[in-house]
C-alpha atoms as a PDB file:
ATOM      1  CA  UNK A   1      -0.414   0.252   0.468  1.00  0.00           C
ATOM      2  CA  UNK A   2       0.776   3.638  -1.128  1.00  0.00           C
ATOM      3  CA  UNK A   3       0.093   6.440   1.157  1.00  0.00           C
ATOM      4  CA  UNK A   4      -0.271  10.329   1.671  1.00  0.00           C
ATOM      5  CA  UNK A   5       0.051   9.776   5.565  1.00  0.00           C
ATOM      6  CA  UNK A   6       3.094   7.944   8.021  1.00  0.00           C
ATOM      7  CA  UNK A   7       0.325   6.966  10.230  1.00  0.00           C
ATOM      8  CA  UNK A   8       1.663   4.044  12.023  1.00  0.00           C
ATOM      9  CA  UNK A   9      -1.605   2.638  12.948  1.00  0.00           C
ATOM     10  CA  UNK A  10      -3.010   2.670   9.415  1.00  0.00           C
ATOM     11  CA  UNK A  11       0.089   1.090   8.585  1.00  0.00           C
ATOM     12  CA  UNK A  12      -0.387  -1.485  11.852  1.00  0.00           C
ATOM     13  CA  UNK A  13      -4.328  -2.305   9.699  1.00  0.00           C
ATOM     14  CA  UNK A  14      -3.395  -2.464   6.150  1.00  0.00           C
ATOM     15  CA  UNK A  15      -0.755  -5.172   7.029  1.00  0.00           C
ATOM     16  CA  UNK A  16      -2.874  -7.268   8.616  1.00  0.00           C
ATOM     17  CA  UNK A  17      -5.875  -6.851   6.597  1.00  0.00           C
ATOM     18  CA  UNK A  18      -2.543  -8.867   3.977  1.00  0.00           C
ATOM     19  CA  UNK A  19      -0.902  -5.943   2.296  1.00  0.00           C
ATOM     20  CA  UNK A  20       2.229  -6.960   1.887  1.00  0.00           C
ATOM     21  CA  UNK A  21       4.415  -3.419   2.554  1.00  0.00           C
ATOM     22  CA  UNK A  22       2.685  -0.289   3.330  1.00  0.00           C
ATOM     23  CA  UNK A  23       5.266   2.930   1.357  1.00  0.00           C
ATOM     24  CA  UNK A  24       4.799   6.745   2.645  1.00  0.00           C
ATOM     25  CA  UNK A  25       4.964   9.491  -0.419  1.00  0.00           C
ATOM     26  CA  UNK A  26       7.471  10.751  -1.164  1.00  0.00           C
ATOM     27  CA  UNK A  27       8.239   6.707  -2.800  1.00  0.00           C
ATOM     28  CA  UNK A  28      11.623   6.127  -1.817  1.00  0.00           C
ATOM     29  CA  UNK A  29      12.239   3.636  -5.429  1.00  0.00           C
ATOM     30  CA  UNK A  30      15.036   2.025  -3.760  1.00  0.00           C
ATOM     31  CA  UNK A  31      12.382   1.110  -1.459  1.00  0.00           C
ATOM     32  CA  UNK A  32       9.032   0.019  -3.206  1.00  0.00           C
ATOM     33  CA  UNK A  33      11.839  -1.952  -6.139  1.00  0.00           C
ATOM     34  CA  UNK A  34      12.777  -3.964  -2.998  1.00  0.00           C
ATOM     35  CA  UNK A  35       9.480  -4.475  -1.812  1.00  0.00           C
ATOM     36  CA  UNK A  36       7.930  -5.598  -4.436  1.00  0.00           C
ATOM     37  CA  UNK A  37      10.350  -8.073  -6.338  1.00  0.00           C
ATOM     38  CA  UNK A  38      10.381  -9.865  -2.498  1.00  0.00           C
ATOM     39  CA  UNK A  39       6.966  -9.897  -2.435  1.00  0.00           C
ATOM     40  CA  UNK A  40       6.959 -11.071  -6.380  1.00  0.00           C
ATOM     41  CA  UNK A  41       9.650 -13.394  -5.145  1.00  0.00           C
ATOM     42  CA  UNK A  42       6.863 -14.246  -2.059  1.00  0.00           C
ATOM     43  CA  UNK A  43       4.354 -15.226  -3.778  1.00  0.00           C
ATOM     44  CA  UNK A  44       5.931 -17.271  -6.830  1.00  0.00           C
ATOM     45  CA  UNK A  45       6.917 -20.131  -3.641  1.00  0.00           C
ATOM     46  CA  UNK A  46       3.745 -19.635  -2.421  1.00  0.00           C
ATOM     47  CA  UNK A  47       2.616 -21.689  -6.195  1.00  0.00           C
END
């Protein structure tokens, strides 16, 4: 999930509901790329 706020409670709720990561704006592109890469790798391992 990408959000304009760094609300810890919101991050916790979204992660509990299945979000892989919580990324705040402005987006750190290196962090986002690593998060996406990790999510894809984990999804492939589930298959």
